[in-house]
Amino acid sequence: MEAGLSLAQVAGEDVSRTFIHFVEQGRSRPSQSVLALIARRTGKPVSYFLDTTAQEGRGSGLPDELMRIAGSVRRFAASRRLSAAEREAMKLVETALQHGSRVARAVEKSAGA
């Protein structure tokens, strides 16, 4: 959605729209070649689609979990036909989760100092 493309445009003739939808929802994982295809079509680097915190062995703390949920909220809202008020409400939820993550990270740092 951020790239201004439909599921059909991202999928092309290479994969199904349903598969792309499942990838967006976190219900399916693309192969490296499909991930490269998605990245190419959306104009984003492959790294944009990877959860680097999980790869680094982190991501189990509250700040990371809140950011992960904020991303889920964004993807949820992007995959639905929402009214302007609903879109705004979902953006507020996403922003609140992001701020909560920052606060939790600051608390962790001050507790560890």
Protein backbone atom coordinates (compact mmCIF):
# COMPACT_ATOMS: atom_id res chain seq x y z
CA MET A 1 0.00 0.00 0.00
CA GLU A 2 2.85 2.38 0.89
CA ALA A 3 4.26 1.86 -2.62
CA GLY A 4 0.84 2.62 -4.13
CA LEU A 5 0.47 -0.90 -5.52
CA SER A 6 -2.38 -3.37 -5.37
CA LEU A 7 -1.84 -6.96 -4.30
CA ALA A 8 -2.21 -7.95 -7.95
CA GLN A 9 0.52 -5.53 -8.98
CA VAL A 10 2.92 -6.84 -6.34
CA ALA A 11 2.08 -10.47 -7.17
CA GLY A 12 2.22 -10.03 -10.93
CA GLU A 13 2.14 -13.35 -12.70
CA ASP A 14 4.71 -14.83 -10.34
CA VAL A 15 2.65 -15.54 -7.21
CA SER A 16 -0.99 -15.23 -6.17
CA ARG A 17 -2.58 -12.16 -4.63
CA THR A 18 -3.68 -14.40 -1.78
CA PHE A 19 -0.09 -15.39 -1.08
CA ILE A 20 0.99 -11.73 -0.96
CA HIS A 21 -1.92 -11.03 1.41
CA PHE A 22 -0.82 -13.90 3.67
CA VAL A 23 2.75 -12.56 3.67
CA GLU A 24 1.44 -9.11 4.68
CA GLN A 25 -0.54 -10.67 7.52
CA GLY A 26 2.42 -12.73 8.73
CA ARG A 27 0.56 -15.95 7.91
CA SER A 28 3.07 -17.06 5.27
CA ARG A 29 6.77 -16.58 4.67
CA PRO A 30 8.11 -15.90 1.18
CA SER A 31 11.16 -17.61 -0.24
CA GLN A 32 14.25 -15.47 -0.82
CA SER A 33 13.41 -15.17 -4.51
CA VAL A 34 9.82 -14.07 -3.80
CA LEU A 35 11.08 -11.65 -1.16
CA ALA A 36 13.48 -10.19 -3.71
CA LEU A 37 10.60 -9.89 -6.19
CA ILE A 38 8.42 -8.07 -3.61
CA ALA A 39 11.30 -5.74 -2.76
CA ARG A 40 11.96 -4.97 -6.42
CA ARG A 41 8.30 -4.24 -7.17
CA THR A 42 7.77 -2.06 -4.11
CA GLY A 43 11.06 -0.20 -4.50
CA LYS A 44 12.22 -1.19 -1.02
CA PRO A 45 15.43 -3.00 -0.07
CA VAL A 46 15.03 -6.62 1.06
CA SER A 47 16.22 -5.54 4.52
CA TYR A 48 13.06 -3.42 4.85
CA PHE A 49 11.02 -6.63 5.04
CA LEU A 50 13.26 -8.48 7.48
CA ASP A 51 12.94 -8.48 11.27
CA THR A 52 16.57 -7.77 12.09
CA THR A 53 15.98 -7.83 15.85
CA ALA A 54 14.89 -11.48 15.66
CA GLN A 55 17.92 -12.33 13.53
CA GLU A 56 20.22 -10.75 16.10
CA GLY A 57 18.79 -12.85 18.89
CA ARG A 58 16.94 -9.95 20.46
CA GLY A 59 13.34 -8.96 20.20
CA SER A 60 11.94 -10.74 23.21
CA GLY A 61 11.68 -7.65 25.43
CA LEU A 62 8.67 -5.43 25.88
CA PRO A 63 9.99 -2.51 23.76
CA ASP A 64 10.58 -4.79 20.77
CA GLU A 65 7.27 -6.57 21.25
CA LEU A 66 5.40 -3.25 21.30
CA MET A 67 7.10 -2.18 18.06
CA ARG A 68 6.22 -5.53 16.49
CA ILE A 69 2.58 -5.07 17.48
CA ALA A 70 2.61 -1.50 16.12
CA GLY A 71 3.72 -2.96 12.77
CA SER A 72 0.93 -5.51 12.95
CA VAL A 73 -1.59 -2.74 13.59
CA ARG A 74 -0.27 -0.82 10.56
CA ARG A 75 -0.50 -3.89 8.33
CA PHE A 76 -3.97 -4.71 9.66
CA ALA A 77 -5.23 -1.21 8.89
CA ALA A 78 -3.60 -1.20 5.45
CA SER A 79 -5.26 -4.46 4.49
CA ARG A 80 -8.79 -3.31 5.25
CA ARG A 81 -11.20 -0.81 3.78
CA LEU A 82 -11.55 1.64 6.62
CA SER A 83 -13.36 4.93 6.95
CA ALA A 84 -11.26 8.04 7.52
CA ALA A 85 -12.16 7.95 11.23
CA GLU A 86 -11.18 4.27 11.50
CA ARG A 87 -7.86 4.91 9.72
CA GLU A 88 -7.15 7.79 12.09
CA ALA A 89 -8.03 5.65 15.12
CA MET A 90 -5.74 2.83 13.95
CA LYS A 91 -2.93 5.36 13.40
CA LEU A 92 -3.42 6.56 16.99
CA VAL A 93 -3.16 2.97 18.26
CA GLU A 94 0.02 2.43 16.22
CA THR A 95 1.54 5.68 17.50
CA ALA A 96 0.63 4.87 21.11
CA LEU A 97 2.37 1.50 20.81
CA GLN A 98 5.47 3.13 19.31
CA HIS A 99 5.60 5.67 22.15
CA GLY A 100 5.05 2.88 24.68
CA SER A 101 8.03 1.07 23.18
CA ARG A 102 10.22 4.15 23.58
CA VAL A 103 9.11 4.64 27.18
CA ALA A 104 9.74 0.96 28.01
CA ARG A 105 13.20 1.19 26.41
CA ALA A 106 14.01 4.32 28.45
CA VAL A 107 12.85 2.57 31.64
CA GLU A 108 15.04 -0.43 30.84
CA LYS A 109 18.05 1.82 30.28
CA SER A 110 17.50 3.75 33.51
CA ALA A 111 17.00 0.51 35.48
CA GLY A 112 20.21 -0.91 34.02
CA ALA A 113 22.28 2.23 34.64
